[in-house]
Amino acid sequence: MQHTRDTSGVVEVDGEIYEWSVRRQPRPAGGGVWEGIALTLRLKDFKREAIVQFPMPMRPNGWPDLEKQRINVDAVKNAVSSAIEAGWNPTSRGRAMVFDVDAEGR
């Protein structure tokens, strides 16, 4: 399992290079609800984006982990595959598609 504190990078999935970048760090959404980290995914040299939203990491005591999050590179690879399976076509045109994934990117 690889982790990085970088805010952008690349991953290879099925022989294709995908670029990712941090769109949003965890933040409160109001009413005691928290939003987790969100990443933007894009196939290299194409413009269509997918936004994947991970759940808020919680500490063992039940409170949200408010520290700057490290990116799990394996979860990013899983998120790319999951977004494609859910209907994201990275070579098409159009608005960014938003996907909610679990902590492992599925």
N, C-alpha and C. Protein backbone atom coordinates (compact mmCIF):
# COMPACT_ATOMS: atom_id res chain seq x y z
N MET A 1 0.84 -1.17 0.00
CA MET A 1 0.00 0.00 0.00
C MET A 1 0.89 1.23 0.00
N GLN A 2 0.77 2.05 -1.02
CA GLN A 2 1.56 3.27 -1.12
C GLN A 2 0.73 4.46 -0.68
N HIS A 3 1.34 5.35 0.08
CA HIS A 3 0.70 6.61 0.47
C HIS A 3 1.61 7.75 0.05
N THR A 4 1.00 8.88 -0.25
CA THR A 4 1.77 10.06 -0.61
C THR A 4 1.07 11.29 -0.05
N ARG A 5 1.85 12.31 0.23
CA ARG A 5 1.28 13.60 0.66
C ARG A 5 1.22 14.58 -0.51
N ASP A 6 1.61 14.12 -1.70
CA ASP A 6 1.54 14.97 -2.89
C ASP A 6 0.08 15.34 -3.17
N THR A 7 -0.13 16.49 -3.78
CA THR A 7 -1.50 16.92 -4.11
C THR A 7 -1.88 16.56 -5.54
N SER A 8 -0.97 15.94 -6.27
CA SER A 8 -1.28 15.48 -7.63
C SER A 8 -0.28 14.39 -8.00
N GLY A 9 -0.65 13.64 -9.03
CA GLY A 9 0.23 12.57 -9.47
C GLY A 9 -0.39 11.82 -10.63
N VAL A 10 0.21 10.70 -10.97
CA VAL A 10 -0.30 9.86 -12.04
C VAL A 10 -0.35 8.41 -11.56
N VAL A 11 -1.30 7.66 -12.12
CA VAL A 11 -1.39 6.22 -11.88
C VAL A 11 -1.62 5.54 -13.21
N GLU A 12 -1.21 4.29 -13.30
CA GLU A 12 -1.42 3.51 -14.52
C GLU A 12 -2.47 2.45 -14.23
N VAL A 13 -3.53 2.44 -15.05
CA VAL A 13 -4.61 1.47 -14.92
C VAL A 13 -4.86 0.88 -16.30
N ASP A 14 -4.72 -0.42 -16.42
CA ASP A 14 -4.95 -1.13 -17.70
C ASP A 14 -4.13 -0.54 -18.84
N GLY A 15 -2.89 -0.15 -18.56
CA GLY A 15 -2.00 0.36 -19.59
C GLY A 15 -2.21 1.82 -19.96
N GLU A 16 -3.17 2.48 -19.34
CA GLU A 16 -3.44 3.91 -19.60
C GLU A 16 -2.94 4.73 -18.41
N ILE A 17 -2.48 5.95 -18.69
CA ILE A 17 -1.99 6.85 -17.65
C ILE A 17 -3.11 7.83 -17.28
N TYR A 18 -3.45 7.86 -16.00
CA TYR A 18 -4.47 8.78 -15.48
C TYR A 18 -3.80 9.77 -14.54
N GLU A 19 -4.18 11.02 -14.67
CA GLU A 19 -3.68 12.07 -13.78
C GLU A 19 -4.71 12.30 -12.69
N TRP A 20 -4.25 12.49 -11.46
CA TRP A 20 -5.16 12.79 -10.37
C TRP A 20 -4.66 14.02 -9.63
N SER A 21 -5.57 14.74 -9.00
CA SER A 21 -5.20 15.87 -8.16
C SER A 21 -6.25 16.02 -7.06
N VAL A 22 -5.81 16.58 -5.94
CA VAL A 22 -6.72 16.80 -4.81
C VAL A 22 -7.62 17.98 -5.16
N ARG A 23 -8.91 17.75 -5.11
CA ARG A 23 -9.88 18.81 -5.36
C ARG A 23 -10.30 19.48 -4.05
N ARG A 24 -10.41 18.66 -2.99
CA ARG A 24 -10.87 19.18 -1.71
C ARG A 24 -10.35 18.30 -0.58
N GLN A 25 -9.84 18.91 0.47
CA GLN A 25 -9.49 18.20 1.69
C GLN A 25 -10.79 18.01 2.50
N PRO A 26 -10.80 17.12 3.49
CA PRO A 26 -12.00 16.93 4.30
C PRO A 26 -12.48 18.25 4.91
N ARG A 27 -13.82 18.36 5.01
CA ARG A 27 -14.40 19.60 5.54
C ARG A 27 -15.77 19.31 6.14
N PRO A 28 -16.24 20.19 7.04
CA PRO A 28 -17.58 20.00 7.60
C PRO A 28 -18.63 20.38 6.56
N ALA A 29 -19.71 19.61 6.53
CA ALA A 29 -20.81 19.89 5.60
C ALA A 29 -22.01 20.47 6.33
N GLY A 30 -21.91 20.63 7.62
CA GLY A 30 -23.00 21.19 8.41
C GLY A 30 -23.81 20.10 9.08
N GLY A 31 -24.38 20.44 10.22
CA GLY A 31 -25.21 19.50 10.94
C GLY A 31 -24.45 18.30 11.49
N GLY A 32 -23.18 18.47 11.77
CA GLY A 32 -22.38 17.37 12.31
C GLY A 32 -21.93 16.36 11.27
N VAL A 33 -22.16 16.67 9.99
CA VAL A 33 -21.77 15.78 8.91
C VAL A 33 -20.46 16.30 8.30
N TRP A 34 -19.59 15.38 7.92
CA TRP A 34 -18.31 15.73 7.31
C TRP A 34 -18.19 15.13 5.93
N GLU A 35 -17.56 15.86 5.03
CA GLU A 35 -17.25 15.35 3.70
C GLU A 35 -15.78 14.96 3.68
N GLY A 36 -15.47 13.84 3.06
CA GLY A 36 -14.09 13.38 2.98
C GLY A 36 -13.35 14.05 1.83
N ILE A 37 -12.17 13.57 1.58
CA ILE A 37 -11.32 14.12 0.52
C ILE A 37 -11.94 13.80 -0.85
N ALA A 38 -11.77 14.71 -1.78
CA ALA A 38 -12.26 14.51 -3.15
C ALA A 38 -11.08 14.67 -4.11
N LEU A 39 -11.01 13.78 -5.08
CA LEU A 39 -9.95 13.81 -6.09
C LEU A 39 -10.55 13.99 -7.47
N THR A 40 -9.81 14.66 -8.33
CA THR A 40 -10.17 14.79 -9.74
C THR A 40 -9.31 13.81 -10.54
N LEU A 41 -9.95 13.03 -11.40
CA LEU A 41 -9.26 12.06 -12.25
C LEU A 41 -9.42 12.48 -13.70
N ARG A 42 -8.38 12.25 -14.49
CA ARG A 42 -8.43 12.61 -15.91
C ARG A 42 -7.46 11.71 -16.67
N LEU A 43 -7.91 11.20 -17.82
CA LEU A 43 -7.02 10.43 -18.69
C LEU A 43 -6.03 11.41 -19.30
N LYS A 44 -4.76 11.05 -19.31
CA LYS A 44 -3.72 11.95 -19.83
C LYS A 44 -4.07 12.38 -21.25
N ASP A 45 -3.95 13.67 -21.51
CA ASP A 45 -4.20 14.32 -22.79
C ASP A 45 -5.68 14.41 -23.15
N PHE A 46 -6.59 14.14 -22.21
CA PHE A 46 -8.02 14.33 -22.42
C PHE A 46 -8.56 15.25 -21.35
N LYS A 47 -9.73 15.85 -21.60
CA LYS A 47 -10.26 16.86 -20.68
C LYS A 47 -11.37 16.36 -19.78
N ARG A 48 -12.05 15.28 -20.12
CA ARG A 48 -13.20 14.81 -19.32
C ARG A 48 -12.72 14.35 -17.95
N GLU A 49 -13.35 14.89 -16.92
CA GLU A 49 -12.92 14.60 -15.56
C GLU A 49 -13.95 13.75 -14.82
N ALA A 50 -13.46 13.05 -13.84
CA ALA A 50 -14.31 12.36 -12.87
C ALA A 50 -13.88 12.85 -11.50
N ILE A 51 -14.84 13.13 -10.66
CA ILE A 51 -14.56 13.55 -9.29
C ILE A 51 -14.96 12.39 -8.39
N VAL A 52 -14.01 11.88 -7.64
CA VAL A 52 -14.30 10.78 -6.72
C VAL A 52 -14.21 11.32 -5.29
N GLN A 53 -15.26 11.03 -4.53
CA GLN A 53 -15.34 11.50 -3.15
C GLN A 53 -15.20 10.32 -2.21
N PHE A 54 -14.19 10.39 -1.36
CA PHE A 54 -13.94 9.36 -0.37
C PHE A 54 -14.66 9.72 0.93
N PRO A 55 -14.99 8.73 1.76
CA PRO A 55 -15.64 9.05 3.04
C PRO A 55 -14.66 9.71 4.00
N MET A 56 -15.22 10.41 4.96
CA MET A 56 -14.42 11.08 5.98
C MET A 56 -13.74 10.03 6.86
N PRO A 57 -12.41 10.09 6.99
CA PRO A 57 -11.73 9.14 7.89
C PRO A 57 -12.04 9.51 9.34
N MET A 58 -12.38 8.50 10.12
CA MET A 58 -12.73 8.71 11.52
C MET A 58 -11.65 8.10 12.41
N ARG A 59 -11.43 8.73 13.54
CA ARG A 59 -10.50 8.20 14.54
C ARG A 59 -11.21 7.12 15.35
N PRO A 60 -10.45 6.31 16.08
CA PRO A 60 -11.09 5.25 16.88
C PRO A 60 -12.09 5.76 17.92
N ASN A 61 -11.93 7.01 18.37
CA ASN A 61 -12.85 7.55 19.37
C ASN A 61 -14.13 8.12 18.74
N GLY A 62 -14.26 8.02 17.41
CA GLY A 62 -15.48 8.47 16.74
C GLY A 62 -15.44 9.88 16.20
N TRP A 63 -14.37 10.61 16.46
CA TRP A 63 -14.23 11.97 15.96
C TRP A 63 -13.57 11.94 14.58
N PRO A 64 -13.86 12.92 13.73
CA PRO A 64 -13.21 12.96 12.41
C PRO A 64 -11.72 13.24 12.53
N ASP A 65 -10.96 12.65 11.61
CA ASP A 65 -9.52 12.87 11.54
C ASP A 65 -9.30 14.14 10.72
N LEU A 66 -8.97 15.24 11.39
CA LEU A 66 -8.90 16.54 10.74
C LEU A 66 -7.53 16.87 10.16
N GLU A 67 -6.58 15.97 10.29
CA GLU A 67 -5.25 16.23 9.74
C GLU A 67 -5.29 16.16 8.21
N LYS A 68 -4.32 16.83 7.58
CA LYS A 68 -4.21 16.74 6.13
C LYS A 68 -4.04 15.28 5.74
N GLN A 69 -4.85 14.83 4.81
CA GLN A 69 -4.89 13.41 4.48
C GLN A 69 -3.79 13.01 3.50
N ARG A 70 -3.26 11.82 3.72
CA ARG A 70 -2.34 11.21 2.77
C ARG A 70 -3.18 10.48 1.73
N ILE A 71 -2.68 10.45 0.51
CA ILE A 71 -3.41 9.81 -0.58
C ILE A 71 -2.92 8.37 -0.72
N ASN A 72 -3.85 7.44 -0.70
CA ASN A 72 -3.54 6.03 -0.92
C ASN A 72 -3.56 5.80 -2.43
N VAL A 73 -2.40 5.57 -3.01
CA VAL A 73 -2.27 5.43 -4.47
C VAL A 73 -3.05 4.21 -4.97
N ASP A 74 -3.08 3.14 -4.20
CA ASP A 74 -3.86 1.96 -4.61
C ASP A 74 -5.36 2.27 -4.65
N ALA A 75 -5.84 3.09 -3.71
CA ALA A 75 -7.25 3.49 -3.70
C ALA A 75 -7.56 4.36 -4.92
N VAL A 76 -6.61 5.16 -5.37
CA VAL A 76 -6.81 5.99 -6.56
C VAL A 76 -6.96 5.07 -7.79
N LYS A 77 -6.12 4.05 -7.88
CA LYS A 77 -6.24 3.09 -8.99
C LYS A 77 -7.59 2.40 -8.97
N ASN A 78 -8.03 1.98 -7.78
CA ASN A 78 -9.35 1.35 -7.66
C ASN A 78 -10.46 2.31 -8.04
N ALA A 79 -10.30 3.59 -7.67
CA ALA A 79 -11.32 4.59 -7.99
C ALA A 79 -11.43 4.81 -9.49
N VAL A 80 -10.31 4.79 -10.20
CA VAL A 80 -10.35 4.93 -11.66
C VAL A 80 -11.14 3.77 -12.26
N SER A 81 -10.84 2.56 -11.85
CA SER A 81 -11.55 1.39 -12.36
C SER A 81 -13.04 1.44 -12.01
N SER A 82 -13.35 1.85 -10.79
CA SER A 82 -14.75 1.93 -10.36
C SER A 82 -15.52 2.98 -11.15
N ALA A 83 -14.89 4.12 -11.41
CA ALA A 83 -15.57 5.18 -12.17
C ALA A 83 -15.84 4.72 -13.60
N ILE A 84 -14.90 4.02 -14.21
CA ILE A 84 -15.10 3.51 -15.56
C ILE A 84 -16.23 2.47 -15.57
N GLU A 85 -16.25 1.58 -14.58
CA GLU A 85 -17.31 0.58 -14.49
C GLU A 85 -18.68 1.23 -14.28
N ALA A 86 -18.70 2.38 -13.60
CA ALA A 86 -19.95 3.07 -13.32
C ALA A 86 -20.42 3.95 -14.48
N GLY A 87 -19.66 3.99 -15.58
CA GLY A 87 -20.13 4.72 -16.75
C GLY A 87 -19.31 5.91 -17.18
N TRP A 88 -18.21 6.20 -16.51
CA TRP A 88 -17.38 7.34 -16.91
C TRP A 88 -16.57 6.94 -18.15
N ASN A 89 -16.69 7.74 -19.20
CA ASN A 89 -15.90 7.53 -20.41
C ASN A 89 -14.90 8.67 -20.49
N PRO A 90 -13.64 8.43 -20.13
CA PRO A 90 -12.66 9.52 -20.05
C PRO A 90 -12.31 10.15 -21.39
N THR A 91 -12.67 9.51 -22.50
CA THR A 91 -12.33 10.08 -23.81
C THR A 91 -13.49 10.87 -24.40
N SER A 92 -14.62 10.90 -23.72
CA SER A 92 -15.77 11.64 -24.25
C SER A 92 -15.72 13.10 -23.80
N ARG A 93 -16.68 13.86 -24.25
CA ARG A 93 -16.78 15.26 -23.85
C ARG A 93 -17.92 15.41 -22.88
N GLY A 94 -17.91 16.49 -22.12
CA GLY A 94 -19.02 16.76 -21.21
C GLY A 94 -18.53 17.18 -19.84
N ARG A 95 -19.51 17.34 -18.96
CA ARG A 95 -19.22 17.76 -17.59
C ARG A 95 -18.51 16.66 -16.82
N ALA A 96 -17.90 17.10 -15.76
CA ALA A 96 -17.26 16.13 -14.85
C ALA A 96 -18.34 15.30 -14.19
N MET A 97 -18.07 14.02 -14.02
CA MET A 97 -19.00 13.12 -13.35
C MET A 97 -18.52 12.93 -11.91
N VAL A 98 -19.46 12.84 -10.98
CA VAL A 98 -19.13 12.72 -9.56
C VAL A 98 -19.48 11.30 -9.09
N PHE A 99 -18.55 10.68 -8.38
CA PHE A 99 -18.73 9.33 -7.87
C PHE A 99 -18.35 9.29 -6.39
N ASP A 100 -19.16 8.62 -5.59
CA ASP A 100 -18.82 8.36 -4.20
C ASP A 100 -18.23 6.96 -4.11
N VAL A 101 -17.09 6.84 -3.49
CA VAL A 101 -16.42 5.55 -3.34
C VAL A 101 -16.16 5.31 -1.85
N ASP A 102 -15.81 4.06 -1.53
CA ASP A 102 -15.45 3.76 -0.14
C ASP A 102 -13.97 4.09 0.08
N ALA A 103 -13.47 3.79 1.26
CA ALA A 103 -12.09 4.14 1.60
C ALA A 103 -11.07 3.45 0.72
N GLU A 104 -11.46 2.31 0.10
CA GLU A 104 -10.55 1.58 -0.78
C GLU A 104 -10.71 1.98 -2.24
N GLY A 105 -11.60 2.92 -2.54
CA GLY A 105 -11.79 3.37 -3.91
C GLY A 105 -12.77 2.56 -4.71
N ARG A 106 -13.55 1.72 -4.08
CA ARG A 106 -14.51 0.87 -4.80
C ARG A 106 -15.91 1.41 -4.71
